[in-house]
Amino acid sequence: MRSILAVTGFAVLLAAGAQTSALAQDQAVLRDACKADYQKLCQGVQPGGGRIIKCLQDQSDKLSPGCKTALSSRK
């Protein structure tokens, strides 16, 4: 019984780590694709709470194609 619990606990930790890794990768792609757009359109926006993403989304008609793609493919 203990080994089943240990394996289950390990599997949960691996899944959580994979989600964190995927989130970090998603954020890195978005940051790279939207850096110039952020500097041009949202530089005065304070980071945190999704404010930068909202700013970029609010100005979607002015975004570069790469940034639009990265925003639309966010998980």
C-alpha atoms as a PDB file:
ATOM      1  CA  MET A   1       0.000   0.000   0.000  1.00  0.00           C
ATOM      2  CA  ARG A   2       2.822   2.403   0.853  1.00  0.00           C
ATOM      3  CA  SER A   3       4.499   1.842  -2.494  1.00  0.00           C
ATOM      4  CA  ILE A   4       1.261   2.646  -4.331  1.00  0.00           C
ATOM      5  CA  LEU A   5       0.946   5.897  -2.387  1.00  0.00           C
ATOM      6  CA  ALA A   6       4.577   6.756  -3.054  1.00  0.00           C
ATOM      7  CA  VAL A   7       4.215   6.102  -6.778  1.00  0.00           C
ATOM      8  CA  THR A   8       0.991   8.109  -6.903  1.00  0.00           C
ATOM      9  CA  GLY A   9       2.597  10.992  -5.028  1.00  0.00           C
ATOM     10  CA  PHE A  10       5.605  10.930  -7.341  1.00  0.00           C
ATOM     11  CA  ALA A  11       3.357  10.932 -10.412  1.00  0.00           C
ATOM     12  CA  VAL A  12       1.494  13.976  -9.076  1.00  0.00           C
ATOM     13  CA  LEU A  13       4.793  15.792  -8.499  1.00  0.00           C
ATOM     14  CA  LEU A  14       5.967  14.961 -12.019  1.00  0.00           C
ATOM     15  CA  ALA A  15       2.717  16.222 -13.519  1.00  0.00           C
ATOM     16  CA  ALA A  16       2.934  19.455 -11.516  1.00  0.00           C
ATOM     17  CA  GLY A  17       6.536  19.909 -12.634  1.00  0.00           C
ATOM     18  CA  ALA A  18       5.584  19.350 -16.257  1.00  0.00           C
ATOM     19  CA  GLN A  19       2.817  21.938 -16.001  1.00  0.00           C
ATOM     20  CA  THR A  20       5.213  24.435 -14.420  1.00  0.00           C
ATOM     21  CA  SER A  21       7.775  23.747 -17.130  1.00  0.00           C
ATOM     22  CA  ALA A  22       5.163  24.165 -19.872  1.00  0.00           C
ATOM     23  CA  LEU A  23       3.994  27.435 -18.303  1.00  0.00           C
ATOM     24  CA  ALA A  24       7.563  28.738 -18.117  1.00  0.00           C
ATOM     25  CA  GLN A  25       8.128  27.789 -21.746  1.00  0.00           C
ATOM     26  CA  ASP A  26       4.855  29.441 -22.775  1.00  0.00           C
ATOM     27  CA  GLN A  27       5.856  32.628 -20.957  1.00  0.00           C
ATOM     28  CA  ALA A  28       9.310  32.631 -22.566  1.00  0.00           C
ATOM     29  CA  VAL A  29       7.830  32.276 -26.061  1.00  0.00           C
ATOM     30  CA  LEU A  30       5.362  35.075 -25.367  1.00  0.00           C
ATOM     31  CA  ARG A  31       8.073  37.316 -23.907  1.00  0.00           C
ATOM     32  CA  ASP A  32      10.335  36.790 -26.926  1.00  0.00           C
ATOM     33  CA  ALA A  33       7.564  37.271 -29.486  1.00  0.00           C
ATOM     34  CA  CYS A  34       6.074  40.364 -27.855  1.00  0.00           C
ATOM     35  CA  LYS A  35       9.108  42.187 -26.470  1.00  0.00           C
ATOM     36  CA  ALA A  36       9.131  44.918 -29.140  1.00  0.00           C
ATOM     37  CA  ASP A  37       5.335  45.282 -28.972  1.00  0.00           C
ATOM     38  CA  TYR A  38       5.499  45.632 -25.187  1.00  0.00           C
ATOM     39  CA  GLN A  39       8.208  48.300 -25.422  1.00  0.00           C
ATOM     40  CA  LYS A  40       6.263  50.202 -28.060  1.00  0.00           C
ATOM     41  CA  LEU A  41       2.717  49.892 -26.704  1.00  0.00           C
ATOM     42  CA  CYS A  42       2.728  48.928 -23.021  1.00  0.00           C
ATOM     43  CA  GLN A  43       6.022  50.071 -21.524  1.00  0.00           C
ATOM     44  CA  GLY A  44       4.349  52.106 -18.778  1.00  0.00           C
ATOM     45  CA  VAL A  45       2.212  49.194 -17.586  1.00  0.00           C
ATOM     46  CA  GLN A  46       3.212  47.783 -14.204  1.00  0.00           C
ATOM     47  CA  PRO A  47       3.995  44.036 -14.409  1.00  0.00           C
ATOM     48  CA  GLY A  48       1.890  41.569 -12.468  1.00  0.00           C
ATOM     49  CA  GLY A  49      -1.701  40.505 -12.320  1.00  0.00           C
ATOM     50  CA  GLY A  50      -1.914  39.974 -16.074  1.00  0.00           C
ATOM     51  CA  ARG A  51      -1.774  43.714 -16.788  1.00  0.00           C
ATOM     52  CA  ILE A  52       0.804  43.439 -19.580  1.00  0.00           C
ATOM     53  CA  ILE A  53      -1.121  40.646 -21.322  1.00  0.00           C
ATOM     54  CA  LYS A  54      -4.298  42.710 -21.062  1.00  0.00           C
ATOM     55  CA  CYS A  55      -2.537  45.757 -22.483  1.00  0.00           C
ATOM     56  CA  LEU A  56      -1.268  43.744 -25.425  1.00  0.00           C
ATOM     57  CA  GLN A  57      -4.683  42.179 -26.005  1.00  0.00           C
ATOM     58  CA  ASP A  58      -6.337  45.612 -25.857  1.00  0.00           C
ATOM     59  CA  GLN A  59      -4.023  46.783 -28.633  1.00  0.00           C
ATOM     60  CA  SER A  60      -4.251  43.638 -30.744  1.00  0.00           C
ATOM     61  CA  ASP A  61      -4.791  45.639 -33.940  1.00  0.00           C
ATOM     62  CA  LYS A  62      -1.284  47.146 -33.528  1.00  0.00           C
ATOM     63  CA  LEU A  63       0.614  43.960 -32.624  1.00  0.00           C
ATOM     64  CA  SER A  64       3.209  42.259 -34.780  1.00  0.00           C
ATOM     65  CA  PRO A  65       2.111  38.978 -36.381  1.00  0.00           C
ATOM     66  CA  GLY A  66       4.446  36.948 -34.144  1.00  0.00           C
ATOM     67  CA  CYS A  67       3.058  38.498 -30.981  1.00  0.00           C
ATOM     68  CA  LYS A  68      -0.523  37.961 -32.141  1.00  0.00           C
ATOM     69  CA  THR A  69       0.249  34.304 -32.766  1.00  0.00           C
ATOM     70  CA  ALA A  70       1.934  33.891 -29.384  1.00  0.00           C
ATOM     71  CA  LEU A  71      -0.985  35.546 -27.587  1.00  0.00           C
ATOM     72  CA  SER A  72      -3.582  33.459 -29.383  1.00  0.00           C
ATOM     73  CA  SER A  73      -1.763  30.202 -28.636  1.00  0.00           C
ATOM     74  CA  ARG A  74      -1.402  30.832 -24.887  1.00  0.00           C
ATOM     75  CA  LYS A  75      -2.391  27.926 -22.698  1.00  0.00           C
END
